[in-house]
Every structure is written in structure tokens, then in C-alpha cells.
């Protein structure tokens, strides 16, 4: 069966330097403050796994790092495995791009290759804007 795939692009401007924003995206102690109380686990090297773990310790998102260039870019596969209600579908991959703009950091998050109408697409389309807003509040409150 062939599925249509779509890409979603989200962005936010955060009043902080790029290194601070990068740390908020990769440091588990900070991630838990803005990413649905998840912790994050990775060795932060090309080809390594990256997992977001729920407060129950179970993996909610499982992926592999496809490219990493701190503090500029993180490209990772994205396989959502939260909840038992989900049907399996391809989660695509997520690219975080951080660019400095007049002392602030522009965060552009692109979620590529989502299967149109899939549960993952329906969850992340409103989920990413919420999370980027929470990231902004967290970082600007540090």
C-alpha cells in the first residue's frame, strides 16, 4: 500500500544564545521541564540511538541520530511508540536547526516524511508547536 507523505515545519524565536538552546534540547535535566516530563537518552554521536522516555521509564520516541553538529543541527529518525492505542506507522525524521539572530536563536524544526492522516501525523502537528512554546518558556526562564 502506498501512502502520501508530508513534511511539517515549525519555528520559534528564543531570547537566548544558541548554546543555551542546544543544551535545553540535549540535556535530559532540562528536556524533562518542557517535553511532557520525558527524559532523553543518547550518546550524541552519529549513528547512536536517541530515546525519549516517559515518566514511567518506558520509551515514548525511539530514533537514531543521522547527523549532529552541535550547536547547529540535529537530524534524527522518529518512531513514536507511546501508548498502546497507536497503529504502527512510519514516523519519518526530525531536523532541529538553530540559527543565531541578533542575540536570539531561531529554532526551525522540520518533521519529514509523515504519513498523511497517520496517528503520528495527527499527534505531532499540534504537538510540536506546543513543545516549542514550552521550550521557549523554559529556556527564557533559565
N, C-alpha and C. Protein backbone atom coordinates (compact mmCIF):
# COMPACT_ATOMS: atom_id res chain seq x y z
N UNK A 1 0.84 -1.18 0.00
CA UNK A 1 0.00 0.00 0.00
C UNK A 1 0.89 1.25 0.00
N UNK A 2 0.61 2.19 -0.86
CA UNK A 2 1.36 3.43 -0.95
C UNK A 2 0.66 4.51 -0.13
N UNK A 3 1.47 5.24 0.62
CA UNK A 3 0.94 6.32 1.44
C UNK A 3 1.52 7.64 0.98
N UNK A 4 0.72 8.70 1.05
CA UNK A 4 1.24 10.04 0.81
C UNK A 4 1.99 10.48 2.05
N UNK A 5 3.16 11.07 1.84
CA UNK A 5 3.90 11.62 2.98
C UNK A 5 3.91 13.14 2.88
N UNK A 6 4.00 13.76 4.04
CA UNK A 6 4.04 15.21 4.12
C UNK A 6 5.14 15.62 5.08
N UNK A 7 5.56 16.86 4.97
CA UNK A 7 6.54 17.45 5.87
C UNK A 7 5.84 18.57 6.63
N UNK A 8 6.19 18.74 7.87
CA UNK A 8 5.67 19.84 8.68
C UNK A 8 6.85 20.66 9.19
N UNK A 9 6.75 21.98 9.10
CA UNK A 9 7.81 22.88 9.54
C UNK A 9 7.24 23.79 10.63
N UNK A 10 7.98 23.89 11.73
CA UNK A 10 7.58 24.71 12.87
C UNK A 10 8.78 25.55 13.28
N UNK A 11 8.52 26.73 13.84
CA UNK A 11 9.65 27.56 14.26
C UNK A 11 9.27 28.40 15.48
N UNK A 12 10.33 28.83 16.17
CA UNK A 12 10.16 29.70 17.32
C UNK A 12 11.45 30.51 17.47
N UNK A 13 11.32 31.74 17.95
CA UNK A 13 12.47 32.58 18.24
C UNK A 13 12.63 32.64 19.76
N UNK A 14 13.79 32.26 20.24
CA UNK A 14 14.04 32.18 21.68
C UNK A 14 15.10 33.20 22.05
N UNK A 15 14.81 33.98 23.08
CA UNK A 15 15.72 35.02 23.54
C UNK A 15 16.82 34.40 24.40
N UNK A 16 17.74 33.73 23.71
CA UNK A 16 18.89 33.09 24.36
C UNK A 16 19.89 32.74 23.27
N UNK A 17 21.15 32.52 23.67
CA UNK A 17 22.15 32.14 22.68
C UNK A 17 21.95 30.68 22.25
N UNK A 18 22.53 30.35 21.14
CA UNK A 18 22.36 29.03 20.54
C UNK A 18 22.84 27.90 21.45
N UNK A 19 23.93 28.11 22.17
CA UNK A 19 24.46 27.07 23.05
C UNK A 19 23.47 26.75 24.17
N UNK A 20 22.80 27.76 24.70
CA UNK A 20 21.81 27.54 25.76
C UNK A 20 20.62 26.76 25.22
N UNK A 21 20.16 27.10 24.03
CA UNK A 21 19.04 26.39 23.43
C UNK A 21 19.45 24.95 23.13
N UNK A 22 20.65 24.75 22.60
CA UNK A 22 21.13 23.40 22.31
C UNK A 22 21.14 22.55 23.58
N UNK A 23 21.63 23.14 24.66
CA UNK A 23 21.67 22.41 25.93
C UNK A 23 20.26 22.02 26.38
N UNK A 24 19.29 22.91 26.16
CA UNK A 24 17.91 22.62 26.54
C UNK A 24 17.30 21.50 25.70
N UNK A 25 17.81 21.30 24.50
CA UNK A 25 17.31 20.25 23.62
C UNK A 25 17.99 18.91 23.92
N UNK A 26 19.22 18.96 24.46
CA UNK A 26 20.01 17.73 24.62
C UNK A 26 20.29 17.32 26.06
N UNK A 27 20.05 18.18 27.02
CA UNK A 27 20.32 17.86 28.43
C UNK A 27 19.05 17.33 29.07
N UNK A 28 19.08 16.08 29.49
CA UNK A 28 17.88 15.42 29.99
C UNK A 28 17.24 16.17 31.16
N UNK A 29 18.05 16.78 32.01
CA UNK A 29 17.50 17.50 33.16
C UNK A 29 16.67 18.70 32.72
N UNK A 30 17.00 19.28 31.57
CA UNK A 30 16.22 20.41 31.05
C UNK A 30 15.08 19.91 30.17
N UNK A 31 15.33 18.88 29.37
CA UNK A 31 14.30 18.33 28.49
C UNK A 31 13.06 17.96 29.30
N UNK A 32 13.26 17.39 30.46
CA UNK A 32 12.11 16.95 31.27
C UNK A 32 11.22 18.12 31.68
N UNK A 33 11.75 19.35 31.66
CA UNK A 33 10.96 20.52 32.03
C UNK A 33 10.01 20.97 30.93
N UNK A 34 10.30 20.61 29.69
CA UNK A 34 9.47 21.14 28.60
C UNK A 34 8.91 20.07 27.66
N UNK A 35 9.40 18.83 27.72
CA UNK A 35 8.98 17.80 26.78
C UNK A 35 8.14 16.74 27.50
N UNK A 36 6.94 17.12 27.90
CA UNK A 36 5.99 16.20 28.53
C UNK A 36 6.60 15.38 29.66
N UNK A 37 7.52 15.98 30.41
CA UNK A 37 8.21 15.32 31.52
C UNK A 37 9.07 14.14 31.08
N UNK A 38 9.37 14.04 29.78
CA UNK A 38 10.25 12.98 29.29
C UNK A 38 11.69 13.29 29.64
N UNK A 39 12.47 12.24 29.81
CA UNK A 39 13.92 12.36 29.84
C UNK A 39 14.41 11.92 28.46
N UNK A 40 15.67 12.22 28.19
CA UNK A 40 16.24 11.87 26.89
C UNK A 40 17.53 11.11 27.13
N UNK A 41 17.75 10.11 26.27
CA UNK A 41 18.94 9.27 26.42
C UNK A 41 19.61 9.13 25.07
N UNK A 42 20.90 9.49 25.01
CA UNK A 42 21.69 9.34 23.79
C UNK A 42 23.15 9.58 24.13
N UNK A 43 24.04 9.05 23.29
CA UNK A 43 25.47 9.38 23.43
C UNK A 43 25.84 10.56 22.55
N UNK A 44 24.87 11.08 21.79
CA UNK A 44 25.01 12.28 20.97
C UNK A 44 26.13 12.18 19.95
N UNK A 45 26.20 11.01 19.29
CA UNK A 45 27.15 10.81 18.21
C UNK A 45 26.39 10.27 16.99
N UNK A 46 26.96 10.47 15.82
CA UNK A 46 26.37 9.97 14.59
C UNK A 46 26.11 8.47 14.71
N UNK A 47 24.89 8.05 14.35
CA UNK A 47 24.52 6.64 14.37
C UNK A 47 24.05 6.11 15.70
N UNK A 48 24.16 6.93 16.75
CA UNK A 48 23.73 6.44 18.06
C UNK A 48 22.21 6.53 18.21
N UNK A 49 21.70 5.77 19.14
CA UNK A 49 20.26 5.83 19.40
C UNK A 49 19.94 7.10 20.18
N UNK A 50 18.70 7.52 20.05
CA UNK A 50 18.18 8.64 20.82
C UNK A 50 16.77 8.23 21.24
N UNK A 51 16.54 8.30 22.53
CA UNK A 51 15.24 7.87 23.06
C UNK A 51 14.71 8.91 24.03
N UNK A 52 13.41 9.15 23.91
CA UNK A 52 12.68 9.97 24.88
C UNK A 52 11.90 8.99 25.74
N UNK A 53 12.09 9.08 27.06
CA UNK A 53 11.46 8.15 27.98
C UNK A 53 10.42 8.88 28.82
N UNK A 54 9.24 8.28 28.92
CA UNK A 54 8.18 8.85 29.73
C UNK A 54 8.49 8.75 31.22
N UNK A 55 7.65 9.37 32.04
CA UNK A 55 7.89 9.34 33.49
C UNK A 55 7.79 7.93 34.07
N UNK A 56 7.26 6.98 33.29
CA UNK A 56 7.21 5.59 33.71
C UNK A 56 8.47 4.82 33.30
N UNK A 57 9.41 5.50 32.64
CA UNK A 57 10.65 4.87 32.20
C UNK A 57 10.55 4.16 30.87
N UNK A 58 9.35 4.10 30.30
CA UNK A 58 9.14 3.43 29.01
C UNK A 58 9.51 4.38 27.86
N UNK A 59 9.99 3.81 26.78
CA UNK A 59 10.37 4.61 25.60
C UNK A 59 9.10 5.13 24.93
N UNK A 60 9.04 6.46 24.73
CA UNK A 60 7.94 7.09 24.01
C UNK A 60 8.32 7.38 22.56
N UNK A 61 9.59 7.75 22.34
CA UNK A 61 10.10 8.01 21.00
C UNK A 61 11.45 7.33 20.88
N UNK A 62 11.62 6.58 19.82
CA UNK A 62 12.85 5.85 19.59
C UNK A 62 13.41 6.31 18.25
N UNK A 63 14.69 6.62 18.21
CA UNK A 63 15.27 7.08 16.96
C UNK A 63 16.76 6.82 16.89
N UNK A 64 17.33 7.27 15.77
CA UNK A 64 18.76 7.16 15.52
C UNK A 64 19.24 8.52 15.04
N UNK A 65 20.41 8.93 15.51
CA UNK A 65 20.97 10.21 15.06
C UNK A 65 21.59 10.03 13.68
N UNK A 66 21.05 10.78 12.71
CA UNK A 66 21.52 10.73 11.32
C UNK A 66 22.59 11.78 11.06
N UNK A 67 22.54 12.88 11.80
CA UNK A 67 23.53 13.96 11.67
C UNK A 67 23.49 14.76 12.95
N UNK A 68 24.67 15.15 13.42
CA UNK A 68 24.73 16.01 14.60
C UNK A 68 25.89 16.97 14.43
N UNK A 69 25.58 18.24 14.62
CA UNK A 69 26.57 19.31 14.52
C UNK A 69 26.23 20.34 15.59
N UNK A 70 26.71 20.09 16.80
CA UNK A 70 26.39 20.97 17.94
C UNK A 70 27.06 22.33 17.75
N UNK A 71 26.42 23.40 18.08
CA UNK A 71 25.03 23.59 18.50
C UNK A 71 24.14 24.08 17.35
N UNK A 72 24.31 23.48 16.18
CA UNK A 72 23.62 23.97 14.99
C UNK A 72 22.49 23.09 14.49
N UNK A 73 22.73 21.77 14.45
CA UNK A 73 21.80 20.89 13.76
C UNK A 73 21.78 19.50 14.37
N UNK A 74 20.57 18.96 14.48
CA UNK A 74 20.36 17.58 14.90
C UNK A 74 19.32 16.97 13.97
N UNK A 75 19.69 15.88 13.32
CA UNK A 75 18.78 15.16 12.42
C UNK A 75 18.64 13.75 12.99
N UNK A 76 17.41 13.35 13.24
CA UNK A 76 17.16 12.06 13.89
C UNK A 76 15.93 11.38 13.30
N UNK A 77 15.97 10.05 13.26
CA UNK A 77 14.75 9.33 12.90
C UNK A 77 13.78 9.46 14.07
N UNK A 78 12.51 9.25 13.80
CA UNK A 78 11.47 9.48 14.80
C UNK A 78 10.46 8.34 14.70
N UNK A 79 10.46 7.49 15.70
CA UNK A 79 9.49 6.41 15.76
C UNK A 79 8.72 6.54 17.07
N UNK A 80 7.51 7.05 16.98
CA UNK A 80 6.67 7.23 18.17
C UNK A 80 6.13 5.88 18.61
N UNK A 81 6.35 5.55 19.86
CA UNK A 81 5.88 4.27 20.40
C UNK A 81 5.08 4.47 21.68
N UNK A 82 4.61 5.72 21.90
CA UNK A 82 3.84 5.99 23.11
C UNK A 82 2.45 5.38 23.00
N UNK A 83 1.93 4.94 24.11
CA UNK A 83 0.55 4.46 24.17
C UNK A 83 0.32 3.16 23.41
N UNK A 84 -0.51 2.33 23.93
CA UNK A 84 -0.84 1.06 23.28
C UNK A 84 -1.90 1.22 22.20
N UNK A 85 -2.52 2.39 22.11
CA UNK A 85 -3.61 2.60 21.16
C UNK A 85 -3.12 2.85 19.74
N UNK A 86 -1.82 3.13 19.58
CA UNK A 86 -1.30 3.54 18.27
C UNK A 86 -1.21 2.38 17.30
N UNK A 87 -1.51 2.67 16.07
CA UNK A 87 -1.23 1.73 14.99
C UNK A 87 0.19 1.99 14.53
N UNK A 88 0.92 0.97 14.10
CA UNK A 88 2.28 1.24 13.63
C UNK A 88 2.25 2.08 12.35
N UNK A 89 3.07 3.11 12.31
CA UNK A 89 3.23 3.88 11.08
C UNK A 89 4.62 4.49 11.06
N UNK A 90 5.08 4.84 9.91
CA UNK A 90 6.40 5.43 9.79
C UNK A 90 6.38 6.83 10.37
N UNK A 91 7.29 7.10 11.25
CA UNK A 91 7.34 8.40 11.92
C UNK A 91 8.21 9.42 11.23
N UNK A 92 8.94 9.02 10.19
CA UNK A 92 9.78 9.96 9.47
C UNK A 92 11.03 10.33 10.23
N UNK A 93 11.48 11.55 10.01
CA UNK A 93 12.63 12.03 10.78
C UNK A 93 12.47 13.51 11.07
N UNK A 94 13.16 13.94 12.12
CA UNK A 94 13.04 15.29 12.64
C UNK A 94 14.40 15.97 12.55
N UNK A 95 14.39 17.20 12.05
CA UNK A 95 15.61 18.00 11.98
C UNK A 95 15.40 19.26 12.81
N UNK A 96 16.31 19.46 13.76
CA UNK A 96 16.37 20.69 14.56
C UNK A 96 17.47 21.55 13.96
N UNK A 97 17.16 22.80 13.61
CA UNK A 97 18.16 23.74 13.12
C UNK A 97 18.13 24.97 14.03
N UNK A 98 19.29 25.35 14.53
CA UNK A 98 19.41 26.51 15.42
C UNK A 98 20.28 27.55 14.74
N UNK A 99 19.72 28.75 14.58
CA UNK A 99 20.43 29.86 13.95
C UNK A 99 20.36 31.08 14.84
N UNK A 100 21.51 31.75 14.99
CA UNK A 100 21.53 32.97 15.80
C UNK A 100 20.99 34.14 14.99
N UNK A 101 20.17 34.95 15.67
CA UNK A 101 19.58 36.14 15.05
C UNK A 101 19.56 37.27 16.07
N UNK A 102 20.49 38.20 15.96
CA UNK A 102 20.53 39.38 16.82
C UNK A 102 20.50 39.02 18.31
N UNK A 103 21.32 38.07 18.71
CA UNK A 103 21.40 37.68 20.11
C UNK A 103 20.37 36.66 20.55
N UNK A 104 19.44 36.33 19.68
CA UNK A 104 18.43 35.31 19.97
C UNK A 104 18.72 34.09 19.09
N UNK A 105 17.95 33.04 19.29
CA UNK A 105 18.12 31.83 18.50
C UNK A 105 16.81 31.47 17.81
N UNK A 106 16.90 31.33 16.51
CA UNK A 106 15.77 30.85 15.72
C UNK A 106 15.86 29.33 15.69
N UNK A 107 14.79 28.67 16.14
CA UNK A 107 14.73 27.22 16.10
C UNK A 107 13.74 26.84 15.01
N UNK A 108 14.22 26.09 14.03
CA UNK A 108 13.35 25.57 12.97
C UNK A 108 13.35 24.06 13.12
N UNK A 109 12.17 23.52 13.34
CA UNK A 109 12.01 22.08 13.49
C UNK A 109 11.20 21.59 12.29
N UNK A 110 11.78 20.67 11.54
CA UNK A 110 11.08 20.10 10.39
C UNK A 110 10.89 18.62 10.64
N UNK A 111 9.65 18.18 10.55
CA UNK A 111 9.33 16.75 10.69
C UNK A 111 9.01 16.25 9.29
N UNK A 112 9.94 15.47 8.74
CA UNK A 112 9.85 14.98 7.36
C UNK A 112 9.17 13.62 7.29
N UNK A 113 8.55 13.37 6.14
CA UNK A 113 8.06 12.04 5.76
C UNK A 113 7.00 11.46 6.70
N UNK A 114 6.13 12.32 7.18
CA UNK A 114 5.00 11.83 7.97
C UNK A 114 3.97 11.23 7.02
N UNK A 115 3.39 10.11 7.40
CA UNK A 115 2.33 9.54 6.59
C UNK A 115 1.07 10.37 6.84
N UNK A 116 0.57 10.97 5.77
CA UNK A 116 -0.60 11.84 5.88
C UNK A 116 -1.78 11.08 6.48
N UNK A 117 -2.35 11.66 7.54
CA UNK A 117 -3.50 11.07 8.21
C UNK A 117 -3.16 10.02 9.25
N UNK A 118 -1.87 9.69 9.41
CA UNK A 118 -1.47 8.69 10.40
C UNK A 118 -1.65 9.25 11.81
N UNK A 119 -1.64 8.35 12.78
CA UNK A 119 -1.74 8.80 14.17
C UNK A 119 -0.56 9.68 14.54
N UNK A 120 0.63 9.32 14.05
CA UNK A 120 1.80 10.15 14.35
C UNK A 120 1.61 11.55 13.80
N UNK A 121 1.16 11.67 12.56
CA UNK A 121 0.94 13.00 11.96
C UNK A 121 -0.11 13.78 12.75
N UNK A 122 -1.17 13.12 13.17
CA UNK A 122 -2.22 13.79 13.93
C UNK A 122 -1.74 14.23 15.32
N UNK A 123 -0.80 13.50 15.89
CA UNK A 123 -0.26 13.87 17.21
C UNK A 123 0.77 14.99 17.12
N UNK A 124 1.71 14.89 16.16
CA UNK A 124 2.81 15.85 16.14
C UNK A 124 2.44 17.19 15.54
N UNK A 125 1.42 17.23 14.69
CA UNK A 125 1.04 18.51 14.07
C UNK A 125 0.66 19.55 15.13
N UNK A 126 -0.15 19.23 16.12
CA UNK A 126 -0.36 20.20 17.20
C UNK A 126 0.69 20.09 18.31
N UNK A 127 1.34 18.92 18.40
CA UNK A 127 2.29 18.68 19.49
C UNK A 127 3.57 19.49 19.39
N UNK A 128 4.15 19.58 18.20
CA UNK A 128 5.40 20.33 18.06
C UNK A 128 5.24 21.82 18.39
N UNK A 129 4.21 22.51 17.91
CA UNK A 129 4.08 23.92 18.31
C UNK A 129 3.97 24.09 19.83
N UNK A 130 3.23 23.20 20.47
CA UNK A 130 3.12 23.26 21.93
C UNK A 130 4.50 23.07 22.57
N UNK A 131 5.24 22.06 22.12
CA UNK A 131 6.55 21.79 22.71
C UNK A 131 7.54 22.93 22.45
N UNK A 132 7.51 23.52 21.27
CA UNK A 132 8.41 24.65 21.01
C UNK A 132 8.06 25.84 21.90
N UNK A 133 6.79 26.05 22.17
CA UNK A 133 6.38 27.10 23.09
C UNK A 133 6.89 26.81 24.50
N UNK A 134 6.80 25.55 24.91
CA UNK A 134 7.29 25.15 26.24
C UNK A 134 8.82 25.28 26.31
N UNK A 135 9.50 24.93 25.21
CA UNK A 135 10.96 25.09 25.14
C UNK A 135 11.33 26.56 25.32
N UNK A 136 10.63 27.43 24.62
CA UNK A 136 10.88 28.88 24.73
C UNK A 136 10.71 29.36 26.17
N UNK A 137 9.59 28.98 26.80
CA UNK A 137 9.33 29.40 28.19
C UNK A 137 10.40 28.88 29.13
N UNK A 138 10.81 27.64 28.92
CA UNK A 138 11.82 27.04 29.78
C UNK A 138 13.17 27.73 29.62
N UNK A 139 13.62 27.89 28.38
CA UNK A 139 14.93 28.49 28.13
C UNK A 139 14.96 29.93 28.60
N UNK A 140 13.93 30.69 28.31
CA UNK A 140 13.93 32.10 28.69
C UNK A 140 13.79 32.26 30.21
N UNK A 141 13.39 31.21 30.90
CA UNK A 141 13.29 31.23 32.35
C UNK A 141 14.54 30.73 33.06
N UNK A 142 15.54 30.25 32.28
CA UNK A 142 16.77 29.73 32.91
C UNK A 142 17.59 30.83 33.53
